[in-house]
């Protein structure tokens, strides 16, 4: 199954600005916009490899943008944010 890129927007506590990061993900249920993060978000707070998220395109055919966290992987005993 091919990877897709998700765009993550968030507020950076380091720079004090709104910023963006891309991360690789695998489709779980693309019709509903569900994807499993398959990369390591380096700076995005509260997200990790294995999380299932919902992402949608702002316009048809455009990049997918993170909307919300749906579930954590069963192997994630701790969550730091």
PDB file of N, CA and C in Angstrom:
ATOM      1  N   UNK A   1       0.852  -1.171   0.000  1.00  0.00           N
ATOM      2  CA  UNK A   1       0.000   0.000   0.000  1.00  0.00           C
ATOM      3  C   UNK A   1       0.902   1.241   0.000  1.00  0.00           C
ATOM      4  N   UNK A   2       0.662   2.194  -0.877  1.00  0.00           N
ATOM      5  CA  UNK A   2       1.539   3.363  -0.977  1.00  0.00           C
ATOM      6  C   UNK A   2       1.328   4.363   0.166  1.00  0.00           C
ATOM      7  N   UNK A   3       2.420   4.992   0.548  1.00  0.00           N
ATOM      8  CA  UNK A   3       2.358   6.050   1.551  1.00  0.00           C
ATOM      9  C   UNK A   3       1.792   7.327   0.930  1.00  0.00           C
ATOM     10  N   UNK A   4       1.158   8.118   1.756  1.00  0.00           N
ATOM     11  CA  UNK A   4       0.708   9.443   1.346  1.00  0.00           C
ATOM     12  C   UNK A   4       1.292  10.440   2.351  1.00  0.00           C
ATOM     13  N   UNK A   5       1.315  11.696   1.987  1.00  0.00           N
ATOM     14  CA  UNK A   5       1.805  12.733   2.887  1.00  0.00           C
ATOM     15  C   UNK A   5       0.629  13.453   3.524  1.00  0.00           C
ATOM     16  N   UNK A   6       0.736  13.671   4.835  1.00  0.00           N
ATOM     17  CA  UNK A   6      -0.254  14.450   5.571  1.00  0.00           C
ATOM     18  C   UNK A   6       0.400  15.751   6.015  1.00  0.00           C
ATOM     19  N   UNK A   7      -0.339  16.824   5.939  1.00  0.00           N
ATOM     20  CA  UNK A   7       0.147  18.119   6.383  1.00  0.00           C
ATOM     21  C   UNK A   7      -0.406  18.382   7.785  1.00  0.00           C
ATOM     22  N   UNK A   8       0.481  18.673   8.722  1.00  0.00           N
ATOM     23  CA  UNK A   8       0.106  18.947  10.108  1.00  0.00           C
ATOM     24  C   UNK A   8       0.345  20.429  10.390  1.00  0.00           C
ATOM     25  N   UNK A   9      -0.689  21.145  10.816  1.00  0.00           N
ATOM     26  CA  UNK A   9      -0.551  22.540  11.242  1.00  0.00           C
ATOM     27  C   UNK A   9      -0.621  22.570  12.758  1.00  0.00           C
ATOM     28  N   UNK A  10       0.222  23.359  13.399  1.00  0.00           N
ATOM     29  CA  UNK A  10       0.190  23.474  14.854  1.00  0.00           C
ATOM     30  C   UNK A  10       0.930  24.728  15.295  1.00  0.00           C
ATOM     31  N   UNK A  11       0.749  25.096  16.567  1.00  0.00           N
ATOM     32  CA  UNK A  11       1.450  26.224  17.161  1.00  0.00           C
ATOM     33  C   UNK A  11       2.752  25.716  17.752  1.00  0.00           C
ATOM     34  N   UNK A  12       3.861  26.326  17.374  1.00  0.00           N
ATOM     35  CA  UNK A  12       5.178  25.928  17.868  1.00  0.00           C
ATOM     36  C   UNK A  12       5.513  26.702  19.137  1.00  0.00           C
ATOM     37  N   UNK A  13       5.747  25.969  20.224  1.00  0.00           N
ATOM     38  CA  UNK A  13       6.173  26.613  21.460  1.00  0.00           C
ATOM     39  C   UNK A  13       7.614  27.122  21.345  1.00  0.00           C
ATOM     40  N   UNK A  14       8.370  26.569  20.411  1.00  0.00           N
ATOM     41  CA  UNK A  14       9.765  26.976  20.226  1.00  0.00           C
ATOM     42  C   UNK A  14       9.843  28.344  19.550  1.00  0.00           C
ATOM     43  N   UNK A  15       9.131  28.495  18.439  1.00  0.00           N
ATOM     44  CA  UNK A  15       9.201  29.752  17.692  1.00  0.00           C
ATOM     45  C   UNK A  15       8.092  30.734  18.065  1.00  0.00           C
ATOM     46  N   UNK A  16       7.025  30.224  18.678  1.00  0.00           N
ATOM     47  CA  UNK A  16       5.887  31.071  19.015  1.00  0.00           C
ATOM     48  C   UNK A  16       4.980  31.352  17.840  1.00  0.00           C
ATOM     49  N   UNK A  17       5.202  30.661  16.726  1.00  0.00           N
ATOM     50  CA  UNK A  17       4.435  30.881  15.498  1.00  0.00           C
ATOM     51  C   UNK A  17       3.610  29.654  15.135  1.00  0.00           C
ATOM     52  N   UNK A  18       2.639  29.888  14.248  1.00  0.00           N
ATOM     53  CA  UNK A  18       1.946  28.767  13.632  1.00  0.00           C
ATOM     54  C   UNK A  18       2.898  28.173  12.608  1.00  0.00           C
ATOM     55  N   UNK A  19       2.990  26.859  12.565  1.00  0.00           N
ATOM     56  CA  UNK A  19       3.929  26.212  11.653  1.00  0.00           C
ATOM     57  C   UNK A  19       3.298  24.958  11.076  1.00  0.00           C
ATOM     58  N   UNK A  20       4.005  24.309  10.166  1.00  0.00           N
ATOM     59  CA  UNK A  20       3.490  23.106   9.506  1.00  0.00           C
ATOM     60  C   UNK A  20       4.600  22.086   9.364  1.00  0.00           C
ATOM     61  N   UNK A  21       4.189  20.839   9.280  1.00  0.00           N
ATOM     62  CA  UNK A  21       5.115  19.718   9.111  1.00  0.00           C
ATOM     63  C   UNK A  21       4.399  18.662   8.284  1.00  0.00           C
ATOM     64  N   UNK A  22       5.129  17.932   7.470  1.00  0.00           N
ATOM     65  CA  UNK A  22       4.521  16.815   6.751  1.00  0.00           C
ATOM     66  C   UNK A  22       5.017  15.509   7.345  1.00  0.00           C
ATOM     67  N   UNK A  23       4.161  14.495   7.283  1.00  0.00           N
ATOM     68  CA  UNK A  23       4.501  13.176   7.806  1.00  0.00           C
ATOM     69  C   UNK A  23       3.890  12.133   6.875  1.00  0.00           C
ATOM     70  N   UNK A  24       4.552  10.992   6.748  1.00  0.00           N
ATOM     71  CA  UNK A  24       4.033   9.907   5.921  1.00  0.00           C
ATOM     72  C   UNK A  24       2.953   9.142   6.669  1.00  0.00           C
ATOM     73  N   UNK A  25       1.975   8.638   5.927  1.00  0.00           N
ATOM     74  CA  UNK A  25       0.879   7.874   6.519  1.00  0.00           C
ATOM     75  C   UNK A  25       0.415   6.804   5.543  1.00  0.00           C
ATOM     76  N   UNK A  26      -0.255   5.794   6.085  1.00  0.00           N
ATOM     77  CA  UNK A  26      -0.843   4.723   5.286  1.00  0.00           C
ATOM     78  C   UNK A  26      -2.362   4.814   5.373  1.00  0.00           C
ATOM     79  N   UNK A  27      -3.054   4.587   4.269  1.00  0.00           N
ATOM     80  CA  UNK A  27      -4.517   4.606   4.300  1.00  0.00           C
ATOM     81  C   UNK A  27      -5.070   3.485   5.179  1.00  0.00           C
ATOM     82  N   UNK A  28      -6.044   3.816   6.013  1.00  0.00           N
ATOM     83  CA  UNK A  28      -6.785   2.838   6.808  1.00  0.00           C
ATOM     84  C   UNK A  28      -8.182   2.705   6.205  1.00  0.00           C
ATOM     85  N   UNK A  29      -8.852   3.831   6.017  1.00  0.00           N
ATOM     86  CA  UNK A  29     -10.161   3.905   5.377  1.00  0.00           C
ATOM     87  C   UNK A  29     -10.233   5.253   4.658  1.00  0.00           C
ATOM     88  N   UNK A  30      -9.644   5.344   3.464  1.00  0.00           N
ATOM     89  CA  UNK A  30      -9.569   6.628   2.761  1.00  0.00           C
ATOM     90  C   UNK A  30     -10.932   7.261   2.485  1.00  0.00           C
ATOM     91  N   UNK A  31     -11.964   6.465   2.306  1.00  0.00           N
ATOM     92  CA  UNK A  31     -13.294   7.014   2.044  1.00  0.00           C
ATOM     93  C   UNK A  31     -13.783   7.858   3.223  1.00  0.00           C
ATOM     94  N   UNK A  32     -13.362   7.491   4.436  1.00  0.00           N
ATOM     95  CA  UNK A  32     -13.744   8.239   5.639  1.00  0.00           C
ATOM     96  C   UNK A  32     -12.632   9.189   6.099  1.00  0.00           C
ATOM     97  N   UNK A  33     -11.497   9.184   5.383  1.00  0.00           N
ATOM     98  CA  UNK A  33     -10.396  10.075   5.722  1.00  0.00           C
ATOM     99  C   UNK A  33      -9.531   9.574   6.859  1.00  0.00           C
ATOM    100  N   UNK A  34      -9.463   8.242   7.077  1.00  0.00           N
ATOM    101  CA  UNK A  34      -8.691   7.671   8.175  1.00  0.00           C
ATOM    102  C   UNK A  34      -7.342   7.179   7.668  1.00  0.00           C
ATOM    103  N   UNK A  35      -6.281   7.580   8.383  1.00  0.00           N
ATOM    104  CA  UNK A  35      -4.912   7.232   8.002  1.00  0.00           C
ATOM    105  C   UNK A  35      -4.107   6.906   9.261  1.00  0.00           C
ATOM    106  N   UNK A  36      -3.127   5.994   9.112  1.00  0.00           N
ATOM    107  CA  UNK A  36      -2.229   5.639  10.219  1.00  0.00           C
ATOM    108  C   UNK A  36      -0.880   6.305   9.961  1.00  0.00           C
ATOM    109  N   UNK A  37      -0.434   7.118  10.902  1.00  0.00           N
ATOM    110  CA  UNK A  37       0.858   7.778  10.763  1.00  0.00           C
ATOM    111  C   UNK A  37       1.944   6.723  10.731  1.00  0.00           C
ATOM    112  N   UNK A  38       2.789   6.775   9.701  1.00  0.00           N
ATOM    113  CA  UNK A  38       3.832   5.777   9.511  1.00  0.00           C
ATOM    114  C   UNK A  38       5.215   6.431   9.461  1.00  0.00           C
ATOM    115  N   UNK A  39       5.299   7.604   9.978  1.00  0.00           N
ATOM    116  CA  UNK A  39       6.554   8.322  10.108  1.00  0.00           C
ATOM    117  C   UNK A  39       6.585   8.921  11.501  1.00  0.00           C
ATOM    118  N   UNK A  40       7.664   9.550  11.842  1.00  0.00           N
ATOM    119  CA  UNK A  40       7.781  10.153  13.169  1.00  0.00           C
ATOM    120  C   UNK A  40       7.577  11.658  13.039  1.00  0.00           C
ATOM    121  N   UNK A  41       6.472  12.178  13.590  1.00  0.00           N
ATOM    122  CA  UNK A  41       6.303  13.634  13.591  1.00  0.00           C
ATOM    123  C   UNK A  41       7.369  14.235  14.517  1.00  0.00           C
ATOM    124  N   UNK A  42       8.257  15.034  13.970  1.00  0.00           N
ATOM    125  CA  UNK A  42       9.372  15.534  14.766  1.00  0.00           C
ATOM    126  C   UNK A  42       8.972  16.608  15.762  1.00  0.00           C
ATOM    127  N   UNK A  43       8.042  17.463  15.399  1.00  0.00           N
ATOM    128  CA  UNK A  43       7.704  18.580  16.263  1.00  0.00           C
ATOM    129  C   UNK A  43       6.220  18.668  16.618  1.00  0.00           C
ATOM    130  N   UNK A  44       5.359  18.029  15.874  1.00  0.00           N
ATOM    131  CA  UNK A  44       3.914  18.139  16.111  1.00  0.00           C
ATOM    132  C   UNK A  44       3.563  17.564  17.479  1.00  0.00           C
ATOM    133  N   UNK A  45       2.970  18.370  18.352  1.00  0.00           N
ATOM    134  CA  UNK A  45       2.659  17.902  19.701  1.00  0.00           C
ATOM    135  C   UNK A  45       1.515  16.892  19.723  1.00  0.00           C
ATOM    136  N   UNK A  46       1.670  15.848  20.523  1.00  0.00           N
ATOM    137  CA  UNK A  46       0.592  14.896  20.744  1.00  0.00           C
ATOM    138  C   UNK A  46       0.374  13.861  19.670  1.00  0.00           C
ATOM    139  N   UNK A  47       1.253  13.782  18.666  1.00  0.00           N
ATOM    140  CA  UNK A  47       1.106  12.787  17.614  1.00  0.00           C
ATOM    141  C   UNK A  47       2.345  11.911  17.550  1.00  0.00           C
ATOM    142  N   UNK A  48       2.137  10.626  17.217  1.00  0.00           N
ATOM    143  CA  UNK A  48       3.252   9.683  17.147  1.00  0.00           C
ATOM    144  C   UNK A  48       3.004   8.659  16.042  1.00  0.00           C
ATOM    145  N   UNK A  49       4.065   7.965  15.692  1.00  0.00           N
ATOM    146  CA  UNK A  49       3.979   6.884  14.720  1.00  0.00           C
ATOM    147  C   UNK A  49       2.969   5.851  15.207  1.00  0.00           C
ATOM    148  N   UNK A  50       2.067   5.430  14.322  1.00  0.00           N
ATOM    149  CA  UNK A  50       1.057   4.436  14.666  1.00  0.00           C
ATOM    150  C   UNK A  50      -0.302   5.015  15.021  1.00  0.00           C
ATOM    151  N   UNK A  51      -0.368   6.316  15.303  1.00  0.00           N
ATOM    152  CA  UNK A  51      -1.652   6.951  15.602  1.00  0.00           C
ATOM    153  C   UNK A  51      -2.549   6.899  14.369  1.00  0.00           C
ATOM    154  N   UNK A  52      -3.833   6.704  14.582  1.00  0.00           N
ATOM    155  CA  UNK A  52      -4.815   6.783  13.495  1.00  0.00           C
ATOM    156  C   UNK A  52      -5.444   8.165  13.582  1.00  0.00           C
ATOM    157  N   UNK A  53      -5.421   8.877  12.453  1.00  0.00           N
ATOM    158  CA  UNK A  53      -5.918  10.244  12.401  1.00  0.00           C
ATOM    159  C   UNK A  53      -6.912  10.400  11.266  1.00  0.00           C
ATOM    160  N   UNK A  54      -7.654  11.485  11.318  1.00  0.00           N
ATOM    161  CA  UNK A  54      -8.531  11.829  10.209  1.00  0.00           C
ATOM    162  C   UNK A  54      -7.912  13.019   9.489  1.00  0.00           C
ATOM    163  N   UNK A  55      -7.883  12.956   8.172  1.00  0.00           N
ATOM    164  CA  UNK A  55      -7.336  14.030   7.350  1.00  0.00           C
ATOM    165  C   UNK A  55      -8.216  14.208   6.127  1.00  0.00           C
ATOM    166  N   UNK A  56      -8.395  15.446   5.727  1.00  0.00           N
ATOM    167  CA  UNK A  56      -9.196  15.740   4.541  1.00  0.00           C
ATOM    168  C   UNK A  56      -8.463  16.767   3.681  1.00  0.00           C
ATOM    169  N   UNK A  57      -8.817  16.806   2.420  1.00  0.00           N
ATOM    170  CA  UNK A  57      -8.257  17.789   1.495  1.00  0.00           C
ATOM    171  C   UNK A  57      -9.104  19.048   1.554  1.00  0.00           C
ATOM    172  N   UNK A  58      -8.440  20.197   1.560  1.00  0.00           N
ATOM    173  CA  UNK A  58      -9.183  21.458   1.578  1.00  0.00           C
ATOM    174  C   UNK A  58      -9.893  21.692   0.256  1.00  0.00           C
ATOM    175  N   UNK A  59      -9.309  21.166  -0.826  1.00  0.00           N
ATOM    176  CA  UNK A  59      -9.912  21.216  -2.152  1.00  0.00           C
ATOM    177  C   UNK A  59      -9.685  19.861  -2.795  1.00  0.00           C
ATOM    178  N   UNK A  60     -10.580  19.401  -3.660  1.00  0.00           N
ATOM    179  CA  UNK A  60     -10.368  18.104  -4.315  1.00  0.00           C
ATOM    180  C   UNK A  60      -9.015  18.053  -5.017  1.00  0.00           C
ATOM    181  N   UNK A  61      -8.287  16.986  -4.759  1.00  0.00           N
ATOM    182  CA  UNK A  61      -6.990  16.789  -5.385  1.00  0.00           C
ATOM    183  C   UNK A  61      -5.837  17.488  -4.687  1.00  0.00           C
ATOM    184  N   UNK A  62      -6.103  18.235  -3.611  1.00  0.00           N
ATOM    185  CA  UNK A  62      -5.020  18.923  -2.920  1.00  0.00           C
ATOM    186  C   UNK A  62      -4.474  18.050  -1.784  1.00  0.00           C
ATOM    187  N   UNK A  63      -3.459  18.539  -1.112  1.00  0.00           N
ATOM    188  CA  UNK A  63      -2.803  17.796  -0.043  1.00  0.00           C
ATOM    189  C   UNK A  63      -3.789  17.526   1.101  1.00  0.00           C
ATOM    190  N   UNK A  64      -3.596  16.372   1.772  1.00  0.00           N
ATOM    191  CA  UNK A  64      -4.443  16.023   2.909  1.00  0.00           C
ATOM    192  C   UNK A  64      -3.939  16.731   4.157  1.00  0.00           C
ATOM    193  N   UNK A  65      -4.867  17.325   4.907  1.00  0.00           N
ATOM    194  CA  UNK A  65      -4.533  18.089   6.102  1.00  0.00           C
ATOM    195  C   UNK A  65      -5.100  17.380   7.334  1.00  0.00           C
ATOM    196  N   UNK A  66      -4.259  17.192   8.363  1.00  0.00           N
ATOM    197  CA  UNK A  66      -4.674  16.572   9.624  1.00  0.00           C
ATOM    198  C   UNK A  66      -5.838  17.348  10.218  1.00  0.00           C
ATOM    199  N   UNK A  67      -6.869  16.612  10.667  1.00  0.00           N
ATOM    200  CA  UNK A  67      -8.037  17.227  11.302  1.00  0.00           C
ATOM    201  C   UNK A  67      -8.167  16.838  12.774  1.00  0.00           C
ATOM    202  N   UNK A  68      -7.991  15.514  13.065  1.00  0.00           N
ATOM    203  CA  UNK A  68      -8.129  15.093  14.464  1.00  0.00           C
ATOM    204  C   UNK A  68      -7.508  13.724  14.687  1.00  0.00           C
ATOM    205  N   UNK A  69      -7.134  13.481  15.926  1.00  0.00           N
ATOM    206  CA  UNK A  69      -6.597  12.192  16.344  1.00  0.00           C
ATOM    207  C   UNK A  69      -7.771  11.268  16.647  1.00  0.00           C
ATOM    208  N   UNK A  70      -7.750  10.056  16.085  1.00  0.00           N
ATOM    209  CA  UNK A  70      -8.837   9.101  16.303  1.00  0.00           C
ATOM    210  C   UNK A  70      -8.470   8.048  17.346  1.00  0.00           C
ATOM    211  N   UNK A  71      -7.263   7.489  17.259  1.00  0.00           N
ATOM    212  CA  UNK A  71      -6.872   6.463  18.230  1.00  0.00           C
ATOM    213  C   UNK A  71      -5.360   6.354  18.310  1.00  0.00           C
ATOM    214  N   UNK A  72      -4.906   5.886  19.458  1.00  0.00           N
ATOM    215  CA  UNK A  72      -3.494   5.653  19.710  1.00  0.00           C
ATOM    216  C   UNK A  72      -3.190   4.188  19.462  1.00  0.00           C
ATOM    217  N   UNK A  73      -1.952   3.848  19.118  1.00  0.00           N
ATOM    218  CA  UNK A  73      -1.600   2.434  18.968  1.00  0.00           C
ATOM    219  C   UNK A  73      -1.620   1.751  20.317  1.00  0.00           C
ATOM    220  N   UNK A  74      -1.913   0.455  20.325  1.00  0.00           N
ATOM    221  CA  UNK A  74      -1.975  -0.309  21.576  1.00  0.00           C
ATOM    222  C   UNK A  74      -0.625  -0.367  22.279  1.00  0.00           C
ATOM    223  N   UNK A  75       0.452  -0.116  21.565  1.00  0.00           N
ATOM    224  CA  UNK A  75       1.794  -0.193  22.138  1.00  0.00           C
ATOM    225  C   UNK A  75       2.268   1.127  22.727  1.00  0.00           C
ATOM    226  N   UNK A  76       1.398   2.125  22.838  1.00  0.00           N
ATOM    227  CA  UNK A  76       1.787   3.439  23.361  1.00  0.00           C
ATOM    228  C   UNK A  76       1.346   3.592  24.806  1.00  0.00           C
ATOM    229  N   UNK A  77       2.181   3.208  25.784  1.00  0.00           N
ATOM    230  CA  UNK A  77       1.770   3.299  27.182  1.00  0.00           C
ATOM    231  C   UNK A  77       1.784   4.714  27.718  1.00  0.00           C
ATOM    232  N   UNK A  78       2.596   5.609  27.140  1.00  0.00           N
ATOM    233  CA  UNK A  78       2.702   6.980  27.627  1.00  0.00           C
ATOM    234  C   UNK A  78       2.525   7.957  26.486  1.00  0.00           C
ATOM    235  N   UNK A  79       1.974   9.100  26.805  1.00  0.00           N
ATOM    236  CA  UNK A  79       1.783  10.159  25.814  1.00  0.00           C
ATOM    237  C   UNK A  79       2.301  11.448  26.416  1.00  0.00           C
ATOM    238  N   UNK A  80       3.333  12.014  25.813  1.00  0.00           N
ATOM    239  CA  UNK A  80       3.873  13.287  26.256  1.00  0.00           C
ATOM    240  C   UNK A  80       3.484  14.359  25.264  1.00  0.00           C
ATOM    241  N   UNK A  81       3.056  15.506  25.759  1.00  0.00           N
ATOM    242  CA  UNK A  81       2.773  16.610  24.848  1.00  0.00           C
ATOM    243  C   UNK A  81       3.087  17.935  25.503  1.00  0.00           C
TER     244      UNK A  81
END
